[in-house]
Every structure is written in C-alpha cells, then in structure tokens.
Amino acid sequence: MQLSSLYSVSLPASFHVWLASPEARFLKGKFLYSNWDVDELKARSNEFEGTKELSVDVVGWPFGERDWKFQIVDSQSQWNGEKSADLQA
C-alpha cells in the first residue's frame, strides 16, 4: 500500500458515508477519527452504546447550579496569600 493512498480523500469520505448509515447509529454523538477501523468499532459497539466512552464534555461549568458563586481573583492578592472575594451571582 502506498503512503499516498492512506491520505486520500476517499478514506474520510467513505467513513462519513458509513457514519450516516443505520449501522453506525451506536456512534451518534461520539468523537471519532476517520482512520479508525470500522470493523473494530462495530465489534465494540456494546462498549460505546449508552456510555460516555468517546464523548467530549465541557466539565467544570457550574452556571447551571443554584449555589454557583462568582469569584473575583486579584492576581496581586493571590500572590500575597490573601483570600479572594466571593460574590453571589
């Protein structure tokens, strides 16, 4: 196999056509690379379905929580060991 065939447009194009098929429904919302082996992904479908495996989440974003507080951090006071001010949002 030539190196140029590994980087041709047909690989991601074929992968995306397969992703649009009902056979790849278990990968909906997952983070994937087009050079991953489709047969291996299908063999591991039970592992991916209904889990956060291969998912990308934004974590540490507390704005939906009721007790979220806005914290002002002054870089100068932080270096002096002083506590930062907490404000209720």
N, C-alpha and C. Protein backbone atom coordinates (compact mmCIF):
# COMPACT_ATOMS: atom_id res chain seq x y z
N MET A 1 0.85 -1.18 0.00
CA MET A 1 0.00 0.00 0.00
C MET A 1 0.88 1.23 0.00
N GLN A 2 0.57 2.15 -0.87
CA GLN A 2 1.33 3.38 -0.95
C GLN A 2 0.89 4.34 0.13
N LEU A 3 1.82 5.16 0.58
CA LEU A 3 1.52 6.15 1.62
C LEU A 3 0.47 7.14 1.15
N SER A 4 0.50 7.49 -0.13
CA SER A 4 -0.47 8.47 -0.63
C SER A 4 -1.90 7.93 -0.56
N SER A 5 -2.08 6.61 -0.65
CA SER A 5 -3.43 6.05 -0.56
C SER A 5 -3.97 6.14 0.87
N LEU A 6 -3.11 6.23 1.86
CA LEU A 6 -3.56 6.38 3.25
C LEU A 6 -4.14 7.76 3.50
N TYR A 7 -3.71 8.73 2.73
CA TYR A 7 -4.12 10.10 2.93
C TYR A 7 -5.03 10.63 1.82
N SER A 8 -5.67 9.74 1.11
CA SER A 8 -6.57 10.20 0.04
C SER A 8 -7.91 10.61 0.64
N VAL A 9 -8.66 11.37 -0.11
CA VAL A 9 -9.95 11.88 0.34
C VAL A 9 -10.98 10.75 0.47
N SER A 10 -10.75 9.63 -0.15
CA SER A 10 -11.74 8.54 -0.11
C SER A 10 -11.89 7.94 1.29
N LEU A 11 -10.84 7.99 2.11
CA LEU A 11 -10.95 7.42 3.46
C LEU A 11 -11.95 8.20 4.32
N PRO A 12 -11.79 9.51 4.52
CA PRO A 12 -12.79 10.21 5.33
C PRO A 12 -14.16 10.26 4.65
N ALA A 13 -14.18 10.30 3.32
CA ALA A 13 -15.46 10.33 2.62
C ALA A 13 -16.23 9.04 2.86
N SER A 14 -15.57 7.91 2.71
CA SER A 14 -16.22 6.61 2.93
C SER A 14 -16.63 6.44 4.39
N PHE A 15 -15.79 6.91 5.30
CA PHE A 15 -16.10 6.80 6.73
C PHE A 15 -17.35 7.61 7.06
N HIS A 16 -17.46 8.81 6.51
CA HIS A 16 -18.62 9.64 6.80
C HIS A 16 -19.90 9.09 6.16
N VAL A 17 -19.79 8.47 5.01
CA VAL A 17 -20.95 7.81 4.41
C VAL A 17 -21.40 6.67 5.31
N TRP A 18 -20.45 5.89 5.83
CA TRP A 18 -20.79 4.80 6.75
C TRP A 18 -21.41 5.35 8.03
N LEU A 19 -20.87 6.46 8.57
CA LEU A 19 -21.43 7.06 9.79
C LEU A 19 -22.88 7.48 9.62
N ALA A 20 -23.25 7.84 8.42
CA ALA A 20 -24.63 8.26 8.16
C ALA A 20 -25.58 7.08 8.03
N SER A 21 -25.05 5.88 7.97
CA SER A 21 -25.90 4.69 7.81
C SER A 21 -26.48 4.25 9.15
N PRO A 22 -27.58 3.51 9.14
CA PRO A 22 -28.17 2.99 10.38
C PRO A 22 -27.22 2.07 11.15
N GLU A 23 -26.29 1.45 10.43
CA GLU A 23 -25.33 0.54 11.07
C GLU A 23 -24.44 1.25 12.09
N ALA A 24 -24.20 2.54 11.90
CA ALA A 24 -23.31 3.30 12.78
C ALA A 24 -24.08 4.12 13.81
N ARG A 25 -25.36 3.84 13.99
CA ARG A 25 -26.19 4.63 14.91
C ARG A 25 -25.63 4.63 16.34
N PHE A 26 -24.96 3.57 16.74
CA PHE A 26 -24.41 3.47 18.11
C PHE A 26 -23.31 4.50 18.36
N LEU A 27 -22.80 5.14 17.32
CA LEU A 27 -21.73 6.13 17.47
C LEU A 27 -22.24 7.57 17.45
N LYS A 28 -23.54 7.76 17.49
CA LYS A 28 -24.11 9.10 17.45
C LYS A 28 -23.62 9.92 18.65
N GLY A 29 -23.09 11.10 18.37
CA GLY A 29 -22.59 11.99 19.43
C GLY A 29 -21.21 11.63 19.95
N LYS A 30 -20.51 10.72 19.31
CA LYS A 30 -19.18 10.30 19.76
C LYS A 30 -18.10 11.04 18.96
N PHE A 31 -16.93 11.15 19.55
CA PHE A 31 -15.77 11.78 18.91
C PHE A 31 -14.97 10.68 18.21
N LEU A 32 -14.80 10.79 16.91
CA LEU A 32 -14.17 9.73 16.13
C LEU A 32 -13.12 10.28 15.18
N TYR A 33 -12.24 9.41 14.75
CA TYR A 33 -11.28 9.71 13.69
C TYR A 33 -11.61 8.82 12.50
N SER A 34 -11.51 9.34 11.31
CA SER A 34 -11.89 8.57 10.13
C SER A 34 -10.92 7.44 9.82
N ASN A 35 -9.74 7.45 10.42
CA ASN A 35 -8.79 6.36 10.15
C ASN A 35 -8.93 5.19 11.12
N TRP A 36 -9.93 5.22 12.01
CA TRP A 36 -10.17 4.09 12.90
C TRP A 36 -10.83 2.96 12.12
N ASP A 37 -10.56 1.75 12.53
CA ASP A 37 -11.07 0.56 11.86
C ASP A 37 -12.56 0.39 12.13
N VAL A 38 -13.36 0.39 11.08
CA VAL A 38 -14.82 0.29 11.21
C VAL A 38 -15.21 -1.06 11.81
N ASP A 39 -14.56 -2.13 11.41
CA ASP A 39 -14.89 -3.46 11.95
C ASP A 39 -14.64 -3.52 13.45
N GLU A 40 -13.56 -2.89 13.92
CA GLU A 40 -13.27 -2.86 15.36
C GLU A 40 -14.30 -2.01 16.10
N LEU A 41 -14.70 -0.89 15.52
CA LEU A 41 -15.74 -0.06 16.14
C LEU A 41 -17.05 -0.85 16.27
N LYS A 42 -17.42 -1.59 15.21
CA LYS A 42 -18.64 -2.39 15.26
C LYS A 42 -18.54 -3.49 16.31
N ALA A 43 -17.36 -4.11 16.43
CA ALA A 43 -17.16 -5.18 17.42
C ALA A 43 -17.28 -4.65 18.85
N ARG A 44 -16.95 -3.38 19.04
CA ARG A 44 -17.00 -2.78 20.39
C ARG A 44 -18.26 -1.93 20.60
N SER A 45 -19.28 -2.10 19.77
CA SER A 45 -20.48 -1.27 19.83
C SER A 45 -21.16 -1.31 21.19
N ASN A 46 -21.21 -2.48 21.83
CA ASN A 46 -21.84 -2.58 23.16
C ASN A 46 -21.09 -1.76 24.20
N GLU A 47 -19.80 -1.64 24.02
CA GLU A 47 -18.96 -0.87 24.94
C GLU A 47 -19.24 0.64 24.83
N PHE A 48 -19.58 1.11 23.64
CA PHE A 48 -19.78 2.54 23.40
C PHE A 48 -21.22 2.98 23.63
N GLU A 49 -22.16 2.11 23.39
CA GLU A 49 -23.57 2.47 23.45
C GLU A 49 -24.00 2.76 24.89
N GLY A 50 -24.59 3.90 25.11
CA GLY A 50 -25.11 4.26 26.42
C GLY A 50 -24.07 4.66 27.44
N THR A 51 -22.83 4.87 27.01
CA THR A 51 -21.78 5.30 27.93
C THR A 51 -21.18 6.61 27.44
N LYS A 52 -20.30 7.17 28.25
CA LYS A 52 -19.61 8.40 27.86
C LYS A 52 -18.30 8.10 27.14
N GLU A 53 -18.03 6.84 26.88
CA GLU A 53 -16.84 6.44 26.14
C GLU A 53 -16.85 7.13 24.78
N LEU A 54 -15.77 7.75 24.39
CA LEU A 54 -15.59 8.50 23.15
C LEU A 54 -16.40 9.79 23.10
N SER A 55 -16.89 10.26 24.23
CA SER A 55 -17.65 11.50 24.28
C SER A 55 -16.77 12.63 24.77
N VAL A 56 -17.08 13.83 24.34
CA VAL A 56 -16.38 15.02 24.78
C VAL A 56 -17.38 15.88 25.52
N ASP A 57 -17.08 16.23 26.76
CA ASP A 57 -17.96 17.05 27.57
C ASP A 57 -17.25 18.29 28.05
N VAL A 58 -18.00 19.34 28.29
CA VAL A 58 -17.48 20.52 28.94
C VAL A 58 -17.72 20.30 30.44
N VAL A 59 -16.65 20.18 31.18
CA VAL A 59 -16.77 19.93 32.62
C VAL A 59 -16.29 21.14 33.39
N GLY A 60 -16.81 21.30 34.58
CA GLY A 60 -16.39 22.42 35.40
C GLY A 60 -17.11 23.70 35.06
N TRP A 61 -18.26 23.60 34.44
CA TRP A 61 -19.03 24.77 34.06
C TRP A 61 -20.23 24.85 35.00
N PRO A 62 -20.11 25.56 36.10
CA PRO A 62 -21.10 25.47 37.18
C PRO A 62 -22.31 26.38 37.05
N PHE A 63 -22.52 27.03 35.93
CA PHE A 63 -23.56 28.05 35.85
C PHE A 63 -24.97 27.50 36.01
N GLY A 64 -25.17 26.21 35.83
CA GLY A 64 -26.50 25.64 35.99
C GLY A 64 -26.83 25.32 37.44
N GLU A 65 -25.86 25.35 38.32
CA GLU A 65 -26.09 25.01 39.72
C GLU A 65 -26.62 26.21 40.49
N ARG A 66 -27.50 25.96 41.44
CA ARG A 66 -28.12 27.04 42.20
C ARG A 66 -27.13 27.78 43.10
N ASP A 67 -26.19 27.05 43.68
CA ASP A 67 -25.27 27.67 44.64
C ASP A 67 -23.99 28.19 43.98
N TRP A 68 -24.04 28.43 42.67
CA TRP A 68 -22.86 28.93 41.97
C TRP A 68 -22.54 30.34 42.43
N LYS A 69 -21.25 30.61 42.67
CA LYS A 69 -20.80 31.93 43.09
C LYS A 69 -19.75 32.44 42.12
N PHE A 70 -19.83 33.71 41.83
CA PHE A 70 -18.82 34.36 41.01
C PHE A 70 -17.64 34.69 41.90
N GLN A 71 -16.45 34.32 41.49
CA GLN A 71 -15.27 34.54 42.31
C GLN A 71 -14.35 35.53 41.60
N ILE A 72 -14.03 36.61 42.31
CA ILE A 72 -13.10 37.61 41.79
C ILE A 72 -11.71 37.26 42.31
N VAL A 73 -10.80 37.07 41.40
CA VAL A 73 -9.43 36.74 41.79
C VAL A 73 -8.53 37.88 41.36
N ASP A 74 -7.93 38.52 42.34
CA ASP A 74 -6.97 39.59 42.08
C ASP A 74 -5.59 38.95 42.06
N SER A 75 -4.89 39.04 40.95
CA SER A 75 -3.61 38.36 40.83
C SER A 75 -2.62 38.82 41.89
N GLN A 76 -2.64 40.07 42.28
CA GLN A 76 -1.71 40.57 43.28
C GLN A 76 -2.00 39.96 44.65
N SER A 77 -3.28 39.95 45.06
CA SER A 77 -3.62 39.40 46.37
C SER A 77 -3.43 37.89 46.39
N GLN A 78 -3.60 37.24 45.24
CA GLN A 78 -3.40 35.79 45.18
C GLN A 78 -1.94 35.45 45.49
N TRP A 79 -1.04 36.25 44.99
CA TRP A 79 0.38 36.00 45.23
C TRP A 79 0.76 36.34 46.67
N ASN A 80 0.02 37.22 47.32
CA ASN A 80 0.29 37.58 48.70
C ASN A 80 -0.37 36.63 49.69
N GLY A 81 -1.12 35.65 49.20
CA GLY A 81 -1.75 34.67 50.07
C GLY A 81 -3.08 35.14 50.64
N GLU A 82 -3.64 36.24 50.15
CA GLU A 82 -4.92 36.72 50.64
C GLU A 82 -6.05 35.94 49.97
N LYS A 83 -7.20 35.88 50.63
CA LYS A 83 -8.36 35.21 50.08
C LYS A 83 -9.04 36.11 49.07
N SER A 84 -9.64 35.49 48.05
CA SER A 84 -10.37 36.26 47.05
C SER A 84 -11.80 36.49 47.52
N ALA A 85 -12.43 37.49 46.94
CA ALA A 85 -13.80 37.85 47.32
C ALA A 85 -14.79 36.98 46.56
N ASP A 86 -15.82 36.47 47.27
CA ASP A 86 -16.89 35.70 46.64
C ASP A 86 -18.13 36.57 46.55
N LEU A 87 -18.75 36.59 45.41
CA LEU A 87 -19.99 37.32 45.19
C LEU A 87 -21.08 36.36 44.78
N GLN A 88 -22.27 36.53 45.31
CA GLN A 88 -23.39 35.70 44.90
C GLN A 88 -23.84 36.14 43.51
N ALA A 89 -23.99 35.21 42.59
CA ALA A 89 -24.41 35.54 41.21
C ALA A 89 -25.90 35.78 41.17
